[in-house]
N, C-alpha and C. Protein backbone atom coordinates (compact mmCIF):
# COMPACT_ATOMS: atom_id res chain seq x y z
N MET A 1 10.49 1.12 -29.04
CA MET A 1 11.27 0.56 -28.03
C MET A 1 11.01 1.44 -26.77
N ALA A 2 11.06 1.46 -25.29
CA ALA A 2 10.98 2.61 -23.78
C ALA A 2 11.31 2.35 -23.43
N PRO A 3 12.57 1.95 -22.69
CA PRO A 3 13.22 1.35 -21.91
C PRO A 3 13.61 2.42 -20.49
N ARG A 4 13.17 3.54 -20.68
CA ARG A 4 13.24 4.19 -19.79
C ARG A 4 12.38 4.10 -18.83
N PHE A 5 11.01 3.97 -19.81
CA PHE A 5 9.39 3.34 -19.05
C PHE A 5 9.78 2.35 -17.89
N PHE A 6 11.09 1.00 -18.25
CA PHE A 6 10.80 -0.33 -17.80
C PHE A 6 11.96 -0.05 -16.61
N LYS A 7 13.40 1.13 -18.00
CA LYS A 7 14.27 0.40 -15.92
C LYS A 7 13.60 1.22 -15.20
N GLN A 8 13.23 2.63 -14.87
CA GLN A 8 12.43 2.53 -13.62
C GLN A 8 11.86 1.84 -12.98
N PHE A 9 10.73 1.64 -13.88
CA PHE A 9 9.49 0.38 -13.91
C PHE A 9 10.28 -0.70 -12.55
N ALA A 10 11.48 -1.14 -13.04
CA ALA A 10 12.23 -2.56 -12.42
C ALA A 10 13.36 -2.16 -11.72
N GLU A 11 13.05 -1.03 -11.19
CA GLU A 11 14.54 -0.70 -10.09
C GLU A 11 13.64 -1.29 -8.14
N GLN A 12 14.75 -2.04 -8.31
CA GLN A 12 14.04 -1.87 -7.09
C GLN A 12 14.59 -2.03 -5.75
N GLU A 13 13.68 -1.30 -4.39
CA GLU A 13 14.30 -0.55 -3.63
C GLU A 13 14.39 -1.41 -2.77
N GLY A 14 16.12 -1.45 -1.37
CA GLY A 14 16.82 -2.93 -0.68
C GLY A 14 15.64 -2.70 0.46
N ILE A 15 15.84 -3.60 1.44
CA ILE A 15 14.96 -3.68 2.70
C ILE A 15 15.69 -3.26 3.42
N ARG A 16 16.70 -2.45 3.20
CA ARG A 16 17.38 -1.26 4.34
C ARG A 16 16.30 -0.17 3.99
N PRO A 17 16.49 0.57 5.12
CA PRO A 17 15.38 1.67 5.53
C PRO A 17 16.78 2.20 5.36
N SER A 18 16.08 3.94 4.09
CA SER A 18 16.72 4.18 3.18
C SER A 18 16.88 5.82 4.44
N PRO A 19 17.36 6.65 4.28
CA PRO A 19 17.76 7.90 5.52
C PRO A 19 15.95 8.92 5.28
N SER A 20 15.34 8.60 4.32
CA SER A 20 14.04 8.99 4.63
C SER A 20 12.84 8.33 4.82
N HIS A 21 13.33 6.99 4.81
CA HIS A 21 12.88 6.18 6.21
C HIS A 21 12.84 5.98 7.07
N ASP A 22 14.50 6.53 7.68
CA ASP A 22 14.74 6.72 8.71
C ASP A 22 13.67 7.63 9.50
N GLU A 23 13.76 9.08 8.54
CA GLU A 23 13.25 10.16 8.95
C GLU A 23 11.68 10.30 9.30
N ARG A 24 10.86 8.56 8.36
CA ARG A 24 10.09 8.95 8.99
C ARG A 24 9.27 8.34 10.34
N LEU A 25 10.32 6.92 10.04
CA LEU A 25 10.25 6.46 11.78
C LEU A 25 10.26 7.53 12.79
N ARG A 26 10.88 8.89 12.60
CA ARG A 26 11.92 9.46 13.90
C ARG A 26 10.08 10.61 13.54
N GLN A 27 9.38 10.59 12.68
CA GLN A 27 8.31 11.35 13.15
C GLN A 27 7.51 11.06 13.34
N GLU A 28 7.22 9.29 13.06
CA GLU A 28 6.04 8.79 13.84
C GLU A 28 5.71 8.33 14.57
N ASN A 29 7.61 7.91 15.44
CA ASN A 29 7.93 8.44 16.88
C ASN A 29 7.64 9.63 17.25
N ARG A 30 7.43 10.32 17.02
CA ARG A 30 7.06 11.95 17.80
C ARG A 30 5.64 11.98 17.93
N TRP A 31 5.04 11.66 16.43
CA TRP A 31 3.65 12.27 17.27
C TRP A 31 3.00 10.88 17.76
N VAL A 32 3.44 9.29 18.15
CA VAL A 32 3.64 8.55 19.38
C VAL A 32 3.48 9.21 20.36
N GLU A 33 4.47 9.59 20.85
CA GLU A 33 4.57 10.46 21.87
C GLU A 33 4.13 11.22 22.40
N GLY A 34 3.31 11.88 21.19
CA GLY A 34 2.17 13.00 21.19
C GLY A 34 0.82 12.72 22.21
N LEU A 35 0.48 11.58 21.28
CA LEU A 35 -0.25 10.65 21.57
C LEU A 35 0.10 10.50 22.37
N ARG A 36 0.50 9.93 23.38
CA ARG A 36 0.36 9.81 24.76
C ARG A 36 -0.31 10.89 25.85
N ARG A 37 0.69 12.18 24.73
CA ARG A 37 0.38 13.02 26.18
C ARG A 37 -0.90 13.47 26.11
N ASP A 38 -1.59 13.05 24.38
CA ASP A 38 -3.12 14.12 24.99
C ASP A 38 -3.16 14.52 24.03
N ASP A 39 -2.09 14.78 22.73
CA ASP A 39 -1.66 16.55 22.46
C ASP A 39 -2.28 15.82 21.12
N GLU A 40 -4.00 16.79 20.77
CA GLU A 40 -4.28 16.53 19.87
C GLU A 40 -3.46 16.89 18.33
N ALA A 41 -2.66 17.97 18.58
CA ALA A 41 -1.87 18.31 17.11
C ALA A 41 -1.43 17.76 16.39
N SER A 42 -0.91 16.08 17.09
CA SER A 42 -0.14 15.34 16.95
C SER A 42 -0.57 14.58 15.73
N PHE A 43 -2.68 13.93 16.72
CA PHE A 43 -2.80 13.30 15.89
C PHE A 43 -3.86 13.16 15.19
N GLU A 44 -3.89 15.44 15.17
CA GLU A 44 -4.22 15.93 13.71
C GLU A 44 -3.00 15.85 12.53
N HIS A 45 -1.69 15.40 12.33
CA HIS A 45 -0.91 15.93 11.76
C HIS A 45 -0.70 14.53 11.59
N LEU A 46 -1.01 13.08 12.18
CA LEU A 46 -0.73 11.70 12.08
C LEU A 46 -2.40 11.67 10.93
N TYR A 47 -3.10 11.91 11.44
CA TYR A 47 -4.11 11.97 10.50
C TYR A 47 -4.10 12.58 9.32
N ARG A 48 -3.62 13.57 8.78
CA ARG A 48 -3.65 14.14 7.51
C ARG A 48 -2.23 13.62 7.13
N PHE A 49 -1.82 12.96 7.59
CA PHE A 49 -0.11 12.32 6.80
C PHE A 49 -1.39 10.82 6.10
N TYR A 50 -1.82 10.49 7.27
CA TYR A 50 -1.80 9.23 6.84
C TYR A 50 -3.92 8.68 6.13
N TYR A 51 -4.49 9.49 6.11
CA TYR A 51 -5.38 9.48 5.22
C TYR A 51 -5.89 8.59 4.57
N PRO A 52 -5.49 9.76 3.68
CA PRO A 52 -5.42 9.38 1.93
C PRO A 52 -4.05 8.28 1.37
N ARG A 53 -3.53 8.03 1.88
CA ARG A 53 -2.81 6.54 1.83
C ARG A 53 -2.99 5.63 2.28
N LEU A 54 -4.09 5.34 3.71
CA LEU A 54 -4.66 4.86 4.23
C LEU A 54 -5.96 4.28 2.95
N GLY A 55 -6.04 5.55 2.52
CA GLY A 55 -7.80 5.37 1.85
C GLY A 55 -7.29 4.77 0.73
N GLN A 56 -6.45 5.63 -0.63
CA GLN A 56 -5.47 4.67 -1.12
C GLN A 56 -5.70 3.15 -1.37
N TYR A 57 -5.10 2.78 -0.22
CA TYR A 57 -5.33 1.12 -0.12
C TYR A 57 -6.31 0.63 -0.20
N LEU A 58 -7.08 0.87 1.12
CA LEU A 58 -8.13 0.11 0.72
C LEU A 58 -9.47 0.55 -0.23
N LEU A 59 -9.28 1.15 -0.99
CA LEU A 59 -10.33 1.15 -2.70
C LEU A 59 -9.49 0.57 -3.58
N ARG A 60 -8.34 -0.25 -2.66
CA ARG A 60 -8.26 -1.47 -4.05
C ARG A 60 -9.40 -2.76 -3.76
N GLN A 61 -9.72 -2.39 -1.90
CA GLN A 61 -9.97 -3.66 -1.61
C GLN A 61 -11.62 -4.04 -1.39
N VAL A 62 -12.02 -2.51 -0.74
CA VAL A 62 -13.65 -1.60 -0.56
C VAL A 62 -13.56 -1.52 -1.69
N ARG A 63 -14.68 -0.99 -2.40
CA ARG A 63 -15.37 -0.31 -3.74
C ARG A 63 -16.17 1.08 -3.83
N SER A 64 -16.63 1.57 -2.35
CA SER A 64 -17.60 2.15 -1.59
C SER A 64 -17.22 2.65 -0.76
N LYS A 65 -16.90 4.40 -1.32
CA LYS A 65 -15.78 5.64 -0.98
C LYS A 65 -16.31 5.48 0.87
N ARG A 66 -18.24 5.35 0.34
CA ARG A 66 -17.97 5.71 1.76
C ARG A 66 -17.77 4.50 2.29
N ASP A 67 -17.87 3.71 2.60
CA ASP A 67 -17.12 2.03 3.51
C ASP A 67 -15.76 2.31 3.74
N VAL A 68 -15.01 3.01 2.71
CA VAL A 68 -14.38 3.53 2.89
C VAL A 68 -13.40 4.36 3.83
N GLU A 69 -14.23 5.98 4.00
CA GLU A 69 -14.21 6.88 5.11
C GLU A 69 -15.14 5.70 6.15
N ASP A 70 -15.89 5.17 6.30
CA ASP A 70 -16.39 4.50 7.65
C ASP A 70 -15.42 4.17 7.90
N ILE A 71 -14.54 3.29 6.91
CA ILE A 71 -13.45 2.61 8.27
C ILE A 71 -12.24 3.17 8.47
N LEU A 72 -12.80 3.99 7.97
CA LEU A 72 -11.14 5.29 7.92
C LEU A 72 -11.02 5.66 9.46
N HIS A 73 -12.37 6.14 9.15
CA HIS A 73 -12.72 6.99 10.60
C HIS A 73 -12.84 5.82 11.84
N SER A 74 -13.22 4.95 11.28
CA SER A 74 -13.63 4.39 13.09
C SER A 74 -11.52 3.28 13.47
N ILE A 75 -10.66 3.30 12.46
CA ILE A 75 -9.28 3.38 12.50
C ILE A 75 -8.50 4.72 13.20
N PHE A 76 -8.79 5.41 13.11
CA PHE A 76 -8.76 6.75 13.87
C PHE A 76 -9.50 6.53 15.50
N LEU A 77 -10.15 6.24 14.87
CA LEU A 77 -11.29 6.70 16.35
C LEU A 77 -10.38 5.29 17.78
N SER A 78 -10.46 4.59 16.98
CA SER A 78 -9.49 3.62 18.09
C SER A 78 -8.14 3.60 18.41
N LEU A 79 -7.69 4.68 16.88
CA LEU A 79 -6.56 4.58 17.49
C LEU A 79 -6.31 5.75 18.71
N TRP A 80 -7.23 7.16 18.96
CA TRP A 80 -7.38 7.80 19.78
C TRP A 80 -7.71 7.72 21.02
N LYS A 81 -8.46 6.30 20.89
CA LYS A 81 -9.27 5.89 21.72
C LYS A 81 -8.08 4.99 22.61
N ASN A 82 -6.99 4.30 21.90
CA ASN A 82 -5.63 3.81 22.39
C ASN A 82 -5.02 4.06 22.50
N ARG A 83 -4.42 5.25 22.45
CA ARG A 83 -3.19 6.40 22.81
C ARG A 83 -2.55 5.48 23.83
N SER A 84 -3.08 6.09 25.03
CA SER A 84 -1.94 5.17 26.64
C SER A 84 -1.09 4.15 26.06
N SER A 85 -1.93 3.18 25.45
CA SER A 85 -1.09 1.85 24.98
C SER A 85 0.48 2.05 23.87
N LEU A 86 0.17 2.80 22.71
CA LEU A 86 0.98 3.03 22.03
C LEU A 86 2.00 3.39 22.51
N GLN A 87 3.27 2.39 21.08
CA GLN A 87 4.63 2.93 22.34
C GLN A 87 5.56 3.10 20.96
N PRO A 88 6.37 4.38 21.30
CA PRO A 88 7.25 4.88 19.92
C PRO A 88 8.16 4.06 19.03
N SER A 89 7.99 2.62 18.67
CA SER A 89 8.94 1.45 18.36
C SER A 89 9.30 1.21 16.92
N GLY A 90 8.71 3.05 16.33
CA GLY A 90 8.63 2.35 14.27
C GLY A 90 8.02 1.81 13.67
N THR A 91 7.06 1.46 14.24
CA THR A 91 5.59 0.41 14.22
C THR A 91 3.83 0.75 13.70
N LEU A 92 4.31 1.68 13.98
CA LEU A 92 2.78 2.36 13.33
C LEU A 92 2.73 2.29 12.53
N ARG A 93 2.59 2.37 11.46
CA ARG A 93 2.16 2.33 9.34
C ARG A 93 2.52 1.24 9.52
N ALA A 94 2.40 -0.01 10.37
CA ALA A 94 2.35 -1.10 9.56
C ALA A 94 1.00 -1.81 10.70
N TYR A 95 0.68 -0.83 11.85
CA TYR A 95 -0.41 -1.13 12.94
C TYR A 95 -1.27 0.00 12.15
N LEU A 96 -1.31 0.89 11.75
CA LEU A 96 -2.87 1.65 10.42
C LEU A 96 -2.42 0.61 9.45
N TYR A 97 -1.91 -0.50 8.28
CA TYR A 97 -1.77 -0.90 7.10
C TYR A 97 -2.71 -2.50 7.74
N ARG A 98 -2.28 -3.06 8.74
CA ARG A 98 -3.05 -3.87 9.13
C ARG A 98 -4.40 -3.48 9.55
N ALA A 99 -5.04 -2.83 10.91
CA ALA A 99 -5.81 -2.44 10.91
C ALA A 99 -7.14 -2.21 9.60
N ALA A 100 -6.48 -1.35 8.62
CA ALA A 100 -6.99 -1.11 8.33
C ALA A 100 -7.47 -2.79 7.00
N ARG A 101 -6.55 -3.46 6.81
CA ARG A 101 -6.95 -4.81 6.41
C ARG A 101 -7.59 -5.38 6.74
N ASN A 102 -7.48 -5.48 8.29
CA ASN A 102 -8.52 -6.68 9.17
C ASN A 102 -9.57 -5.99 8.93
N ARG A 103 -10.23 -4.62 8.50
CA ARG A 103 -11.41 -3.83 8.63
C ARG A 103 -12.13 -4.53 7.06
N ALA A 104 -11.12 -3.79 6.70
CA ALA A 104 -11.55 -4.21 4.95
C ALA A 104 -11.73 -5.85 4.71
N ILE A 105 -11.40 -6.61 5.49
CA ILE A 105 -11.28 -8.99 5.48
C ILE A 105 -12.70 -8.72 5.50
N ASN A 106 -12.74 -7.98 7.49
CA ASN A 106 -14.99 -7.80 7.61
C ASN A 106 -15.43 -7.25 6.83
N HIS A 107 -14.84 -5.98 6.56
CA HIS A 107 -16.45 -5.96 5.83
C HIS A 107 -16.43 -6.67 4.47
N GLN A 108 -15.65 -7.18 3.62
CA GLN A 108 -15.68 -8.45 2.30
C GLN A 108 -17.00 -8.93 2.92
N GLN A 109 -16.99 -10.12 4.40
CA GLN A 109 -17.04 -10.87 5.04
C GLN A 109 -18.84 -10.54 4.73
N ARG A 110 -19.08 -9.36 5.39
CA ARG A 110 -20.68 -8.98 5.93
C ARG A 110 -20.52 -8.33 4.48
N GLU A 111 -20.61 -7.54 3.28
CA GLU A 111 -20.85 -7.39 2.54
C GLU A 111 -20.97 -9.30 1.79
N SER A 112 -20.33 -10.08 1.86
CA SER A 112 -20.45 -11.05 0.74
C SER A 112 -21.46 -12.17 1.21
N GLU A 113 -22.00 -11.58 2.86
CA GLU A 113 -23.14 -12.40 2.93
C GLU A 113 -24.58 -11.95 2.87
N HIS A 114 -24.47 -10.88 1.93
CA HIS A 114 -26.25 -9.98 2.09
C HIS A 114 -26.37 -9.88 -0.05
N ARG A 115 -24.76 -10.19 -0.61
CA ARG A 115 -25.50 -9.92 -2.30
C ARG A 115 -23.35 -10.92 -2.56
N GLU A 116 -23.61 -10.68 -3.59
CA GLU A 116 -22.25 -11.49 -4.51
C GLU A 116 -21.49 -10.78 -5.63
N LEU A 117 -20.45 -10.65 -4.24
CA LEU A 117 -19.60 -9.35 -5.00
C LEU A 117 -18.58 -9.59 -6.32
N PRO A 118 -18.68 -8.43 -6.74
CA PRO A 118 -18.10 -8.29 -8.19
C PRO A 118 -16.35 -9.18 -8.44
N ALA A 119 -16.20 -8.98 -9.30
CA ALA A 119 -14.74 -9.71 -9.48
C ALA A 119 -14.18 -8.75 -8.87
N ASP A 120 -13.13 -9.20 -8.69
CA ASP A 120 -11.90 -8.17 -8.43
C ASP A 120 -11.22 -7.47 -9.41
N ILE A 121 -11.61 -5.86 -10.18
CA ILE A 121 -10.64 -5.94 -11.15
C ILE A 121 -9.55 -4.47 -10.04
N PRO A 122 -8.78 -4.45 -10.21
CA PRO A 122 -7.10 -3.80 -9.73
C PRO A 122 -7.59 -2.66 -9.55
N GLU A 123 -7.79 -0.71 -9.31
CA GLU A 123 -7.34 0.04 -9.73
C GLU A 123 -5.94 0.68 -11.13
N PRO A 124 -6.66 1.35 -11.54
CA PRO A 124 -5.12 2.17 -12.45
C PRO A 124 -4.03 2.55 -11.34
N VAL A 125 -3.02 1.70 -11.60
CA VAL A 125 -1.70 2.29 -10.57
C VAL A 125 -0.99 3.30 -10.84
N GLU A 126 -0.62 4.16 -9.69
CA GLU A 126 -0.08 5.19 -10.06
C GLU A 126 1.52 4.92 -10.18
N MET A 127 2.28 4.95 -11.30
CA MET A 127 3.96 4.42 -11.03
C MET A 127 4.42 5.67 -11.46
N ASP A 128 5.73 5.86 -10.64
CA ASP A 128 6.60 7.46 -10.29
C ASP A 128 7.36 7.30 -11.92
N LEU A 129 6.13 6.98 -13.16
CA LEU A 129 7.53 8.09 -14.21
C LEU A 129 7.51 9.60 -14.72
N HIS A 130 7.67 9.07 -15.47
CA HIS A 130 7.56 10.86 -15.89
C HIS A 130 6.21 10.75 -17.55
N ARG A 131 5.14 11.23 -16.38
CA ARG A 131 4.01 10.85 -17.63
C ARG A 131 4.13 11.48 -18.99
N SER A 132 3.45 11.07 -19.93
CA SER A 132 3.78 11.61 -21.06
C SER A 132 2.56 11.61 -21.83
N ASP A 133 2.74 12.44 -23.23
CA ASP A 133 0.86 11.50 -23.80
C ASP A 133 0.76 11.18 -25.45
N THR A 134 2.45 10.65 -25.26
CA THR A 134 3.05 9.99 -26.66
C THR A 134 2.65 8.73 -26.34
N LEU A 135 2.50 8.48 -27.60
CA LEU A 135 1.95 6.99 -28.07
C LEU A 135 2.58 6.28 -27.19
N GLU A 136 3.89 6.15 -27.61
CA GLU A 136 4.34 4.89 -26.38
C GLU A 136 4.34 5.42 -25.30
N TYR A 137 4.63 6.18 -24.36
CA TYR A 137 3.51 5.88 -23.40
C TYR A 137 2.65 5.13 -23.19
N ARG A 138 1.32 5.53 -23.89
CA ARG A 138 0.39 5.33 -23.15
C ARG A 138 0.24 3.48 -23.41
N GLU A 139 1.05 3.28 -24.48
CA GLU A 139 1.48 1.65 -25.12
C GLU A 139 1.67 0.86 -24.07
N PHE A 140 2.45 1.81 -23.23
CA PHE A 140 3.33 0.67 -22.05
C PHE A 140 1.93 1.14 -20.72
N GLU A 141 1.19 1.62 -20.14
CA GLU A 141 1.12 1.60 -19.30
C GLU A 141 -0.37 0.75 -20.10
N GLU A 142 -1.21 0.82 -21.63
CA GLU A 142 -1.78 0.10 -21.53
C GLU A 142 -1.62 -1.66 -20.90
N ALA A 143 -0.04 -1.77 -21.11
CA ALA A 143 0.26 -3.34 -21.58
C ALA A 143 0.94 -3.25 -19.79
N PHE A 144 1.16 -2.85 -19.14
CA PHE A 144 1.30 -3.03 -17.86
C PHE A 144 0.24 -3.26 -16.46
N GLN A 145 -0.30 -2.68 -17.82
CA GLN A 145 -1.90 -2.88 -16.53
C GLN A 145 -2.61 -4.20 -16.95
N LYS A 146 -2.45 -5.16 -18.08
CA LYS A 146 -3.32 -5.59 -18.53
C LYS A 146 -1.70 -6.86 -17.98
N ALA A 147 -1.01 -6.75 -17.49
CA ALA A 147 0.15 -7.36 -16.69
C ALA A 147 -0.06 -7.80 -15.08
N LEU A 148 -0.71 -6.29 -15.19
CA LEU A 148 -1.01 -6.48 -13.48
C LEU A 148 -2.33 -7.21 -13.08
N SER A 149 -3.04 -6.85 -14.34
CA SER A 149 -4.43 -8.22 -14.04
C SER A 149 -4.16 -9.28 -13.54
N ASN A 150 -3.07 -9.73 -14.49
CA ASN A 150 -2.77 -11.59 -14.53
C ASN A 150 -2.14 -11.58 -13.82
N LEU A 151 -1.36 -11.31 -12.71
CA LEU A 151 -1.02 -11.25 -11.33
C LEU A 151 -1.64 -11.94 -10.48
N PRO A 152 -1.44 -13.32 -10.16
CA PRO A 152 -2.10 -13.77 -8.99
C PRO A 152 -2.49 -12.49 -7.99
N GLU A 153 -3.61 -12.16 -6.85
CA GLU A 153 -4.48 -12.29 -5.73
C GLU A 153 -3.10 -12.04 -5.65
N LYS A 154 -2.37 -12.48 -4.47
CA LYS A 154 -1.76 -12.48 -3.13
C LYS A 154 -0.62 -12.35 -4.15
N ARG A 155 0.20 -12.01 -5.50
CA ARG A 155 1.18 -10.80 -4.93
C ARG A 155 1.05 -10.40 -6.19
N ARG A 156 0.16 -9.72 -6.47
CA ARG A 156 -0.59 -8.84 -6.83
C ARG A 156 -0.71 -7.45 -5.74
N GLN A 157 -1.65 -7.88 -4.89
CA GLN A 157 -1.84 -7.62 -3.42
C GLN A 157 -0.08 -6.80 -2.77
N ILE A 158 1.25 -7.56 -3.06
CA ILE A 158 1.89 -7.30 -2.05
C ILE A 158 3.12 -6.42 -3.18
N PHE A 159 2.94 -6.76 -4.90
CA PHE A 159 3.28 -5.51 -5.26
C PHE A 159 3.02 -4.48 -4.85
N LEU A 160 1.46 -4.39 -4.96
CA LEU A 160 1.07 -3.21 -4.67
C LEU A 160 1.52 -2.41 -3.45
N MET A 161 1.34 -3.08 -2.72
CA MET A 161 1.40 -2.87 -1.23
C MET A 161 3.00 -1.78 -0.95
N HIS A 162 3.79 -2.96 -2.25
CA HIS A 162 5.47 -1.86 -1.78
C HIS A 162 5.16 -0.44 -2.95
N ARG A 163 5.09 -0.80 -4.40
CA ARG A 163 5.63 0.09 -5.59
C ARG A 163 3.63 1.11 -5.16
N THR A 164 2.97 0.61 -4.63
CA THR A 164 2.13 2.12 -4.61
C THR A 164 1.88 2.52 -3.49
N ASP A 165 1.83 1.93 -2.34
CA ASP A 165 2.18 2.09 -0.66
C ASP A 165 2.91 2.92 0.08
N GLN A 166 4.85 1.99 -0.76
CA GLN A 166 5.60 2.47 -0.68
C GLN A 166 5.84 1.84 0.52
N LEU A 167 5.54 0.75 1.05
CA LEU A 167 5.66 0.08 2.51
C LEU A 167 7.01 -0.71 1.94
N THR A 168 7.94 -1.00 2.96
CA THR A 168 8.67 -1.96 2.76
C THR A 168 8.25 -3.43 3.37
N TYR A 169 9.11 -4.40 2.71
CA TYR A 169 8.91 -5.96 2.35
C TYR A 169 8.41 -5.76 4.09
N ARG A 170 10.04 -5.12 5.38
CA ARG A 170 9.73 -5.94 6.32
C ARG A 170 8.13 -5.49 6.57
N GLU A 171 7.16 -4.33 6.62
CA GLU A 171 6.43 -3.93 6.69
C GLU A 171 5.27 -4.31 6.02
N ILE A 172 5.37 -4.95 4.68
CA ILE A 172 4.13 -5.87 4.58
C ILE A 172 4.52 -7.35 4.56
N ALA A 173 5.03 -7.92 5.09
CA ALA A 173 5.31 -8.65 5.82
C ALA A 173 4.65 -9.40 7.12
N GLU A 174 4.71 -7.20 7.92
CA GLU A 174 3.69 -7.84 9.31
C GLU A 174 2.09 -7.70 9.07
N ILE A 175 2.42 -6.81 7.99
CA ILE A 175 0.93 -6.47 7.93
C ILE A 175 -0.37 -8.12 7.45
N LEU A 176 0.91 -8.51 6.69
CA LEU A 176 -0.16 -9.81 5.81
C LEU A 176 0.57 -10.51 6.45
N GLU A 177 0.97 -10.86 8.06
CA GLU A 177 1.09 -12.01 8.47
C GLU A 177 2.17 -13.08 7.74
N ILE A 178 3.52 -12.67 6.73
CA ILE A 178 4.57 -13.73 5.75
C ILE A 178 5.60 -13.25 6.71
N SER A 179 6.32 -14.27 5.92
CA SER A 179 8.05 -13.73 5.89
C SER A 179 8.63 -13.31 5.45
N ILE A 180 9.42 -12.24 5.16
CA ILE A 180 10.40 -11.61 5.15
C ILE A 180 10.40 -12.06 3.16
N LYS A 181 11.28 -12.91 3.17
CA LYS A 181 10.89 -14.37 2.40
C LYS A 181 10.48 -14.43 1.73
N THR A 182 9.25 -14.38 2.03
CA THR A 182 7.91 -14.54 0.86
C THR A 182 7.93 -13.34 -0.01
N VAL A 183 7.42 -12.03 1.03
CA VAL A 183 7.39 -11.28 0.61
C VAL A 183 8.80 -10.81 -1.17
N GLU A 184 10.09 -11.24 -0.24
CA GLU A 184 10.89 -10.97 -1.52
C GLU A 184 10.89 -12.01 -2.10
N SER A 185 10.14 -13.17 -2.34
CA SER A 185 10.11 -14.10 -3.61
C SER A 185 9.00 -13.69 -4.40
N GLN A 186 7.79 -12.95 -3.97
CA GLN A 186 6.54 -12.85 -4.55
C GLN A 186 6.30 -11.44 -5.61
N MET A 187 7.45 -10.71 -4.74
CA MET A 187 8.33 -9.72 -5.58
C MET A 187 9.45 -10.21 -7.03
N ARG A 188 9.55 -11.16 -6.44
CA ARG A 188 10.76 -11.19 -7.97
C ARG A 188 10.20 -11.86 -8.65
N ARG A 189 8.80 -12.54 -8.14
CA ARG A 189 8.38 -13.06 -8.92
C ARG A 189 7.36 -12.20 -10.20
N SER A 190 6.90 -11.00 -9.01
CA SER A 190 6.78 -10.01 -10.50
C SER A 190 7.21 -9.62 -10.94
N LEU A 191 8.43 -9.52 -10.61
CA LEU A 191 9.36 -8.58 -12.33
C LEU A 191 9.46 -9.41 -13.59
N GLN A 192 9.94 -10.68 -12.59
CA GLN A 192 9.98 -11.38 -13.54
C GLN A 192 8.81 -11.36 -14.57
N HIS A 193 7.34 -11.31 -14.45
CA HIS A 193 6.54 -11.71 -14.85
C HIS A 193 6.50 -10.92 -16.33
N PHE A 194 7.12 -9.43 -14.85
CA PHE A 194 6.76 -7.84 -15.94
C PHE A 194 7.39 -7.90 -17.24
N GLU A 195 8.68 -8.06 -16.62
CA GLU A 195 9.76 -7.56 -17.84
C GLU A 195 9.54 -9.26 -18.63
N GLN A 196 8.90 -10.35 -18.62
CA GLN A 196 8.28 -11.26 -19.68
C GLN A 196 7.30 -10.54 -20.78
N LYS A 197 6.74 -10.20 -19.50
CA LYS A 197 5.40 -9.79 -19.99
C LYS A 197 5.79 -7.83 -20.94
N LEU A 198 6.32 -7.59 -20.18
CA LEU A 198 6.86 -6.10 -21.07
C LEU A 198 8.08 -6.40 -22.00
N GLU A 199 8.24 -7.66 -22.55
CA GLU A 199 9.44 -7.65 -23.10
C GLU A 199 9.75 -5.77 -24.23
N TYR A 200 8.12 -5.33 -25.36
CA TYR A 200 8.84 -5.15 -26.04
C TYR A 200 9.20 -4.11 -25.58
N PHE A 201 8.63 -3.63 -24.33
CA PHE A 201 9.57 -1.91 -24.05
C PHE A 201 10.95 -2.08 -23.46
N ILE A 202 11.69 -3.37 -23.66
CA ILE A 202 12.68 -3.42 -22.39
C ILE A 202 13.64 -2.84 -23.69
């Protein structure tokens, strides 16, 4: 049995901002204020922080790394061009992820016009667990990935946005244009699904 794995996995964050969340918002607002003053250093800090995070998110939807890089460059170019209209309102992260989502959807639509896309196979998820090479952990990871692939597409997307991208319920709701209640419901169902599928490890 591996109760410590499932316990760590199943811990839910509340939707109230944590101190680290508040500090991130303050830092993002400082970056936005810098962008509005044409401060290139603020843009560079923002770029370095969000480029790998948005890239990870996009790779789950756009399989080509080159296409992901093209999308990322277009997002940050647009951000710089429209910097004067930005507001330090604590919504920068949702804005960037929403832009990434919209561009990914447009990319998928263009691709589907030229060829049939392969089935959507989720990328392995990096869980915040104490990794080990034990057979016990490998069995848990294999069972988890199988359970993840069996989630309905929208539920899997919400789960990954929260657990992998570390977006709050409110941010996910803004990005996907759904209610927070829907996000909460989908996350609750995901956890119930994993609890059932990973029963051996509880």
